Amino acid sequence: MATGLLHLHNLLRWVILITLFLSIYKLWSKQNALGVSKILLISAHTTLILGLYQYITGAVGLQLIKAAGMGAAMKDAATRFWAVEHIFSMVLAISLITIGHVKYKKSNQSGATMVLYIIALLIILSAIPWPFRAGIGRPWFPGVG
């Protein structure tokens, strides 16, 4: 089950990235972005729930902090990434996505929403364990092939 949840979590990152890029484009070009923004919001929150479950119950996250201690976890780059940086960055980015969606839905503030989405995109891109990141890299499409 843990492997399946991890694969779903990793697959949903692509949904988030695609809908985030599409939302930013639609906001920039003054098109109605509410539908794609809603898909972004749902996929981001689903990914967050899956990630929080994995953080609490999985081998990386709290287990790394328990095994090594917080001081040692912060000294090792890979452990720090999984135990602190990834979760903090993603919670922050999804909070920005949520705030942006609510702003857009309530008052159609496309400029403010676009800025929040761009900041969230930058945070997400920096916190994804891309395959080329030494020590923390994950495959582009885990479980495929």
N, C-alpha and C. Protein backbone atom coordinates (compact mmCIF):
# COMPACT_ATOMS: atom_id res chain seq x y z
N MET A 1 0.82 -1.19 0.00
CA MET A 1 0.00 0.00 0.00
C MET A 1 0.86 1.26 0.00
N ALA A 2 1.96 1.23 0.76
CA ALA A 2 2.83 2.41 0.85
C ALA A 2 3.41 2.75 -0.51
N THR A 3 3.79 1.74 -1.28
CA THR A 3 4.35 1.99 -2.61
C THR A 3 3.31 2.61 -3.52
N GLY A 4 2.09 2.11 -3.48
CA GLY A 4 1.02 2.66 -4.31
C GLY A 4 0.71 4.11 -3.95
N LEU A 5 0.69 4.42 -2.67
CA LEU A 5 0.44 5.80 -2.25
C LEU A 5 1.58 6.72 -2.67
N LEU A 6 2.80 6.23 -2.59
CA LEU A 6 3.94 7.02 -3.02
C LEU A 6 3.87 7.29 -4.53
N HIS A 7 3.49 6.28 -5.30
CA HIS A 7 3.37 6.45 -6.75
C HIS A 7 2.26 7.44 -7.09
N LEU A 8 1.14 7.35 -6.38
CA LEU A 8 0.04 8.30 -6.60
C LEU A 8 0.48 9.71 -6.22
N HIS A 9 1.18 9.85 -5.11
CA HIS A 9 1.70 11.14 -4.68
C HIS A 9 2.61 11.73 -5.75
N ASN A 10 3.49 10.90 -6.30
CA ASN A 10 4.41 11.36 -7.34
C ASN A 10 3.69 11.67 -8.65
N LEU A 11 2.69 10.91 -8.99
CA LEU A 11 1.92 11.16 -10.21
C LEU A 11 1.15 12.48 -10.12
N LEU A 12 0.60 12.75 -8.95
CA LEU A 12 -0.18 13.97 -8.77
C LEU A 12 0.67 15.23 -8.86
N ARG A 13 1.99 15.11 -8.67
CA ARG A 13 2.84 16.30 -8.84
C ARG A 13 2.74 16.82 -10.25
N TRP A 14 2.58 15.91 -11.23
CA TRP A 14 2.46 16.33 -12.63
C TRP A 14 1.13 17.03 -12.87
N VAL A 15 0.08 16.54 -12.23
CA VAL A 15 -1.22 17.21 -12.35
C VAL A 15 -1.12 18.62 -11.77
N ILE A 16 -0.46 18.74 -10.62
CA ILE A 16 -0.30 20.06 -10.00
C ILE A 16 0.52 20.98 -10.89
N LEU A 17 1.64 20.51 -11.40
CA LEU A 17 2.48 21.36 -12.23
C LEU A 17 1.75 21.80 -13.50
N ILE A 18 1.07 20.88 -14.16
CA ILE A 18 0.36 21.23 -15.39
C ILE A 18 -0.77 22.21 -15.11
N THR A 19 -1.57 21.95 -14.09
CA THR A 19 -2.68 22.86 -13.79
C THR A 19 -2.18 24.19 -13.24
N LEU A 20 -1.06 24.19 -12.57
CA LEU A 20 -0.49 25.44 -12.08
C LEU A 20 0.00 26.30 -13.25
N PHE A 21 0.72 25.70 -14.18
CA PHE A 21 1.14 26.43 -15.38
C PHE A 21 -0.07 26.93 -16.18
N LEU A 22 -1.06 26.06 -16.33
CA LEU A 22 -2.27 26.45 -17.08
C LEU A 22 -3.03 27.56 -16.37
N SER A 23 -3.13 27.51 -15.06
CA SER A 23 -3.80 28.56 -14.30
C SER A 23 -3.07 29.89 -14.45
N ILE A 24 -1.76 29.85 -14.34
CA ILE A 24 -0.98 31.09 -14.50
C ILE A 24 -1.17 31.67 -15.89
N TYR A 25 -1.15 30.82 -16.90
CA TYR A 25 -1.36 31.29 -18.27
C TYR A 25 -2.75 31.93 -18.42
N LYS A 26 -3.77 31.25 -17.92
CA LYS A 26 -5.13 31.77 -18.05
C LYS A 26 -5.29 33.09 -17.28
N LEU A 27 -4.71 33.19 -16.11
CA LEU A 27 -4.78 34.44 -15.36
C LEU A 27 -4.03 35.56 -16.08
N TRP A 28 -2.88 35.23 -16.63
CA TRP A 28 -2.09 36.23 -17.36
C TRP A 28 -2.81 36.72 -18.61
N SER A 29 -3.50 35.80 -19.30
CA SER A 29 -4.19 36.18 -20.54
C SER A 29 -5.63 36.62 -20.28
N LYS A 30 -5.98 36.84 -19.02
CA LYS A 30 -7.30 37.35 -18.62
C LYS A 30 -8.45 36.43 -19.03
N GLN A 31 -8.19 35.13 -19.06
CA GLN A 31 -9.24 34.15 -19.31
C GLN A 31 -9.81 33.67 -17.98
N ASN A 32 -10.97 33.04 -18.04
CA ASN A 32 -11.56 32.48 -16.83
C ASN A 32 -10.75 31.26 -16.40
N ALA A 33 -10.17 31.34 -15.22
CA ALA A 33 -9.30 30.28 -14.72
C ALA A 33 -9.93 29.50 -13.58
N LEU A 34 -11.21 29.72 -13.31
CA LEU A 34 -11.82 29.11 -12.13
C LEU A 34 -11.85 27.59 -12.20
N GLY A 35 -12.17 27.03 -13.35
CA GLY A 35 -12.25 25.57 -13.48
C GLY A 35 -10.91 24.90 -13.28
N VAL A 36 -9.89 25.40 -13.95
CA VAL A 36 -8.57 24.79 -13.81
C VAL A 36 -7.98 25.07 -12.43
N SER A 37 -8.32 26.21 -11.86
CA SER A 37 -7.87 26.53 -10.51
C SER A 37 -8.50 25.56 -9.49
N LYS A 38 -9.73 25.17 -9.73
CA LYS A 38 -10.38 24.21 -8.83
C LYS A 38 -9.71 22.84 -8.92
N ILE A 39 -9.36 22.43 -10.14
CA ILE A 39 -8.65 21.16 -10.32
C ILE A 39 -7.30 21.23 -9.62
N LEU A 40 -6.62 22.37 -9.75
CA LEU A 40 -5.34 22.58 -9.07
C LEU A 40 -5.51 22.45 -7.56
N LEU A 41 -6.52 23.10 -7.02
CA LEU A 41 -6.76 23.08 -5.59
C LEU A 41 -7.04 21.66 -5.09
N ILE A 42 -7.89 20.94 -5.79
CA ILE A 42 -8.23 19.57 -5.39
C ILE A 42 -7.01 18.65 -5.46
N SER A 43 -6.26 18.73 -6.55
CA SER A 43 -5.09 17.86 -6.69
C SER A 43 -4.01 18.22 -5.68
N ALA A 44 -3.85 19.52 -5.38
CA ALA A 44 -2.86 19.93 -4.39
C ALA A 44 -3.22 19.42 -3.00
N HIS A 45 -4.48 19.54 -2.64
CA HIS A 45 -4.90 19.08 -1.31
C HIS A 45 -4.85 17.56 -1.21
N THR A 46 -5.18 16.86 -2.27
CA THR A 46 -5.09 15.40 -2.26
C THR A 46 -3.63 14.97 -2.10
N THR A 47 -2.75 15.62 -2.83
CA THR A 47 -1.32 15.32 -2.72
C THR A 47 -0.81 15.64 -1.32
N LEU A 48 -1.29 16.73 -0.75
CA LEU A 48 -0.89 17.09 0.61
C LEU A 48 -1.32 16.03 1.61
N ILE A 49 -2.53 15.56 1.51
CA ILE A 49 -3.01 14.52 2.42
C ILE A 49 -2.18 13.25 2.28
N LEU A 50 -1.91 12.84 1.04
CA LEU A 50 -1.08 11.66 0.82
C LEU A 50 0.33 11.87 1.38
N GLY A 51 0.87 13.07 1.17
CA GLY A 51 2.21 13.36 1.66
C GLY A 51 2.28 13.39 3.18
N LEU A 52 1.28 13.99 3.82
CA LEU A 52 1.26 14.01 5.28
C LEU A 52 1.16 12.61 5.86
N TYR A 53 0.36 11.76 5.23
CA TYR A 53 0.25 10.37 5.68
C TYR A 53 1.61 9.69 5.57
N GLN A 54 2.29 9.89 4.44
CA GLN A 54 3.60 9.27 4.25
C GLN A 54 4.63 9.86 5.21
N TYR A 55 4.53 11.14 5.48
CA TYR A 55 5.47 11.79 6.40
C TYR A 55 5.34 11.21 7.81
N ILE A 56 4.11 10.96 8.23
CA ILE A 56 3.86 10.47 9.58
C ILE A 56 4.15 8.98 9.71
N THR A 57 3.77 8.19 8.70
CA THR A 57 3.87 6.74 8.82
C THR A 57 5.01 6.12 8.04
N GLY A 58 5.59 6.84 7.10
CA GLY A 58 6.60 6.26 6.21
C GLY A 58 8.00 6.27 6.78
N ALA A 59 8.92 5.80 5.95
CA ALA A 59 10.33 5.67 6.37
C ALA A 59 11.05 7.01 6.38
N VAL A 60 10.59 7.95 5.58
CA VAL A 60 11.21 9.28 5.59
C VAL A 60 10.24 10.24 6.28
N GLY A 61 10.76 11.27 6.83
CA GLY A 61 9.92 12.21 7.57
C GLY A 61 10.17 12.07 9.06
N LEU A 62 9.10 11.83 9.80
CA LEU A 62 9.24 11.72 11.26
C LEU A 62 10.16 10.58 11.69
N GLN A 63 10.16 9.50 10.93
CA GLN A 63 11.02 8.37 11.29
C GLN A 63 12.49 8.75 11.22
N LEU A 64 12.84 9.60 10.25
CA LEU A 64 14.24 10.06 10.17
C LEU A 64 14.61 10.91 11.38
N ILE A 65 13.70 11.76 11.80
CA ILE A 65 13.97 12.60 12.96
C ILE A 65 14.07 11.75 14.23
N LYS A 66 13.17 10.77 14.37
CA LYS A 66 13.20 9.88 15.53
C LYS A 66 14.49 9.07 15.57
N ALA A 67 14.91 8.57 14.41
CA ALA A 67 16.09 7.70 14.37
C ALA A 67 17.38 8.48 14.62
N ALA A 68 17.51 9.64 14.03
CA ALA A 68 18.77 10.36 14.11
C ALA A 68 18.76 11.48 15.14
N GLY A 69 17.60 11.96 15.50
CA GLY A 69 17.51 13.15 16.34
C GLY A 69 17.49 14.38 15.46
N MET A 70 16.89 15.44 15.94
CA MET A 70 16.73 16.63 15.11
C MET A 70 18.07 17.27 14.77
N GLY A 71 18.99 17.32 15.69
CA GLY A 71 20.30 17.92 15.43
C GLY A 71 21.04 17.20 14.31
N ALA A 72 21.08 15.88 14.38
CA ALA A 72 21.76 15.09 13.35
C ALA A 72 21.02 15.16 12.02
N ALA A 73 19.69 15.19 12.08
CA ALA A 73 18.90 15.28 10.85
C ALA A 73 19.17 16.59 10.12
N MET A 74 19.35 17.66 10.87
CA MET A 74 19.60 18.96 10.25
C MET A 74 21.01 19.07 9.66
N LYS A 75 21.94 18.25 10.11
CA LYS A 75 23.32 18.29 9.61
C LYS A 75 23.49 17.53 8.30
N ASP A 76 22.62 16.55 8.05
CA ASP A 76 22.70 15.75 6.83
C ASP A 76 21.72 16.31 5.80
N ALA A 77 22.21 16.67 4.62
CA ALA A 77 21.39 17.35 3.61
C ALA A 77 20.20 16.50 3.16
N ALA A 78 20.40 15.22 2.90
CA ALA A 78 19.30 14.37 2.43
C ALA A 78 18.25 14.17 3.51
N THR A 79 18.70 13.92 4.72
CA THR A 79 17.77 13.74 5.83
C THR A 79 17.00 15.02 6.10
N ARG A 80 17.70 16.15 6.08
CA ARG A 80 17.05 17.44 6.29
C ARG A 80 16.00 17.71 5.21
N PHE A 81 16.32 17.36 3.96
CA PHE A 81 15.36 17.57 2.88
C PHE A 81 14.06 16.82 3.16
N TRP A 82 14.16 15.52 3.47
CA TRP A 82 12.95 14.71 3.66
C TRP A 82 12.25 15.01 4.98
N ALA A 83 13.01 15.31 6.02
CA ALA A 83 12.41 15.50 7.34
C ALA A 83 11.83 16.90 7.53
N VAL A 84 12.39 17.91 6.83
CA VAL A 84 11.98 19.29 7.10
C VAL A 84 11.64 20.07 5.82
N GLU A 85 12.59 20.15 4.90
CA GLU A 85 12.45 21.07 3.77
C GLU A 85 11.30 20.73 2.84
N HIS A 86 11.17 19.46 2.45
CA HIS A 86 10.13 19.06 1.50
C HIS A 86 8.73 19.34 2.08
N ILE A 87 8.49 18.89 3.27
CA ILE A 87 7.15 19.06 3.86
C ILE A 87 6.84 20.53 4.10
N PHE A 88 7.78 21.29 4.64
CA PHE A 88 7.54 22.70 4.92
C PHE A 88 7.27 23.47 3.63
N SER A 89 8.09 23.22 2.62
CA SER A 89 7.92 23.93 1.35
C SER A 89 6.58 23.61 0.70
N MET A 90 6.21 22.36 0.71
CA MET A 90 4.96 21.97 0.05
C MET A 90 3.73 22.49 0.82
N VAL A 91 3.77 22.46 2.12
CA VAL A 91 2.65 23.03 2.90
C VAL A 91 2.53 24.52 2.61
N LEU A 92 3.65 25.22 2.55
CA LEU A 92 3.64 26.64 2.22
C LEU A 92 3.08 26.89 0.82
N ALA A 93 3.55 26.13 -0.15
CA ALA A 93 3.08 26.30 -1.54
C ALA A 93 1.59 26.01 -1.66
N ILE A 94 1.11 24.96 -1.02
CA ILE A 94 -0.30 24.61 -1.11
C ILE A 94 -1.15 25.64 -0.36
N SER A 95 -0.62 26.22 0.69
CA SER A 95 -1.32 27.33 1.36
C SER A 95 -1.46 28.51 0.42
N LEU A 96 -0.41 28.84 -0.33
CA LEU A 96 -0.48 29.94 -1.29
C LEU A 96 -1.49 29.63 -2.41
N ILE A 97 -1.52 28.38 -2.87
CA ILE A 97 -2.49 27.98 -3.89
C ILE A 97 -3.90 28.14 -3.35
N THR A 98 -4.13 27.73 -2.12
CA THR A 98 -5.45 27.84 -1.51
C THR A 98 -5.87 29.30 -1.37
N ILE A 99 -4.97 30.13 -0.87
CA ILE A 99 -5.28 31.56 -0.72
C ILE A 99 -5.57 32.18 -2.08
N GLY A 100 -4.75 31.84 -3.08
CA GLY A 100 -4.96 32.38 -4.42
C GLY A 100 -6.30 31.96 -5.00
N HIS A 101 -6.65 30.70 -4.83
CA HIS A 101 -7.94 30.22 -5.36
C HIS A 101 -9.10 30.95 -4.69
N VAL A 102 -9.05 31.10 -3.39
CA VAL A 102 -10.13 31.78 -2.66
C VAL A 102 -10.23 33.24 -3.09
N LYS A 103 -9.10 33.92 -3.24
CA LYS A 103 -9.10 35.31 -3.70
C LYS A 103 -9.75 35.42 -5.07
N TYR A 104 -9.37 34.51 -5.96
CA TYR A 104 -9.90 34.56 -7.32
C TYR A 104 -11.39 34.25 -7.34
N LYS A 105 -11.79 33.27 -6.56
CA LYS A 105 -13.19 32.86 -6.54
C LYS A 105 -14.09 33.94 -5.95
N LYS A 106 -13.64 34.58 -4.88
CA LYS A 106 -14.47 35.56 -4.19
C LYS A 106 -14.50 36.91 -4.87
N SER A 107 -13.34 37.38 -5.34
CA SER A 107 -13.31 38.75 -5.85
C SER A 107 -12.65 38.89 -7.22
N ASN A 108 -12.38 37.76 -7.87
CA ASN A 108 -11.83 37.76 -9.21
C ASN A 108 -10.53 38.57 -9.30
N GLN A 109 -9.68 38.48 -8.28
CA GLN A 109 -8.40 39.19 -8.25
C GLN A 109 -7.35 38.36 -9.00
N SER A 110 -7.36 38.47 -10.32
CA SER A 110 -6.47 37.63 -11.12
C SER A 110 -5.01 38.00 -10.91
N GLY A 111 -4.70 39.28 -10.72
CA GLY A 111 -3.31 39.69 -10.52
C GLY A 111 -2.71 39.13 -9.25
N ALA A 112 -3.42 39.27 -8.15
CA ALA A 112 -2.95 38.76 -6.87
C ALA A 112 -2.85 37.23 -6.90
N THR A 113 -3.83 36.60 -7.52
CA THR A 113 -3.82 35.14 -7.61
C THR A 113 -2.63 34.67 -8.44
N MET A 114 -2.37 35.35 -9.55
CA MET A 114 -1.26 34.97 -10.41
C MET A 114 0.07 35.08 -9.65
N VAL A 115 0.25 36.12 -8.88
CA VAL A 115 1.49 36.28 -8.10
C VAL A 115 1.62 35.15 -7.08
N LEU A 116 0.55 34.83 -6.39
CA LEU A 116 0.58 33.73 -5.41
C LEU A 116 0.89 32.40 -6.10
N TYR A 117 0.30 32.17 -7.27
CA TYR A 117 0.55 30.93 -8.01
C TYR A 117 1.99 30.86 -8.50
N ILE A 118 2.56 31.97 -8.93
CA ILE A 118 3.95 31.97 -9.39
C ILE A 118 4.89 31.67 -8.23
N ILE A 119 4.64 32.27 -7.09
CA ILE A 119 5.47 31.99 -5.91
C ILE A 119 5.34 30.52 -5.51
N ALA A 120 4.10 30.00 -5.53
CA ALA A 120 3.88 28.59 -5.21
C ALA A 120 4.61 27.69 -6.20
N LEU A 121 4.57 28.04 -7.48
CA LEU A 121 5.26 27.26 -8.50
C LEU A 121 6.77 27.22 -8.24
N LEU A 122 7.35 28.34 -7.92
CA LEU A 122 8.79 28.39 -7.65
C LEU A 122 9.16 27.55 -6.43
N ILE A 123 8.33 27.62 -5.40
CA ILE A 123 8.57 26.82 -4.20
C ILE A 123 8.47 25.33 -4.52
N ILE A 124 7.44 24.96 -5.26
CA ILE A 124 7.24 23.55 -5.62
C ILE A 124 8.40 23.04 -6.46
N LEU A 125 8.80 23.81 -7.47
CA LEU A 125 9.91 23.38 -8.33
C LEU A 125 11.21 23.19 -7.55
N SER A 126 11.40 24.00 -6.52
CA SER A 126 12.62 23.87 -5.72
C SER A 126 12.55 22.72 -4.71
N ALA A 127 11.36 22.27 -4.38
CA ALA A 127 11.21 21.25 -3.34
C ALA A 127 10.86 19.86 -3.86
N ILE A 128 10.74 19.72 -5.17
CA ILE A 128 10.48 18.39 -5.74
C ILE A 128 11.80 17.62 -5.79
N PRO A 129 11.78 16.34 -5.43
CA PRO A 129 13.01 15.54 -5.49
C PRO A 129 13.29 15.06 -6.93
N TRP A 130 13.71 15.99 -7.76
CA TRP A 130 13.97 15.69 -9.18
C TRP A 130 15.04 14.60 -9.30
N PRO A 131 15.01 13.81 -10.36
CA PRO A 131 15.97 12.70 -10.50
C PRO A 131 17.43 13.13 -10.49
N PHE A 132 17.73 14.36 -10.90
CA PHE A 132 19.11 14.82 -10.96
C PHE A 132 19.63 15.36 -9.63
N ARG A 133 18.80 15.39 -8.60
CA ARG A 133 19.25 15.88 -7.29
C ARG A 133 19.91 14.75 -6.52
N ALA A 134 21.19 14.88 -6.29
CA ALA A 134 22.00 13.84 -5.65
C ALA A 134 21.49 13.55 -4.24
N GLY A 135 21.32 12.28 -3.94
CA GLY A 135 20.94 11.85 -2.60
C GLY A 135 19.45 11.87 -2.30
N ILE A 136 18.67 12.63 -3.06
CA ILE A 136 17.24 12.72 -2.78
C ILE A 136 16.39 12.48 -4.03
N GLY A 137 17.02 12.30 -5.19
CA GLY A 137 16.30 12.20 -6.45
C GLY A 137 15.36 11.01 -6.51
N ARG A 138 14.22 11.25 -7.13
CA ARG A 138 13.23 10.20 -7.40
C ARG A 138 13.00 10.16 -8.91
N PRO A 139 12.54 9.04 -9.46
CA PRO A 139 12.33 8.95 -10.91
C PRO A 139 11.28 9.93 -11.40
N TRP A 140 11.34 10.25 -12.70
CA TRP A 140 10.36 11.16 -13.31
C TRP A 140 8.94 10.60 -13.14
N PHE A 141 8.78 9.31 -13.44
CA PHE A 141 7.49 8.64 -13.34
C PHE A 141 7.65 7.33 -12.58
N PRO A 142 7.66 7.37 -11.26
CA PRO A 142 7.87 6.13 -10.48
C PRO A 142 6.78 5.11 -10.74
N GLY A 143 7.19 3.87 -10.80
CA GLY A 143 6.24 2.78 -10.99
C GLY A 143 5.86 2.54 -12.44
N VAL A 144 6.36 3.37 -13.35
CA VAL A 144 6.05 3.20 -14.77
C VAL A 144 7.26 2.56 -15.43
N GLY A 145 7.01 1.49 -16.14
CA GLY A 145 8.08 0.86 -16.92
C GLY A 145 8.88 -0.04 -16.15
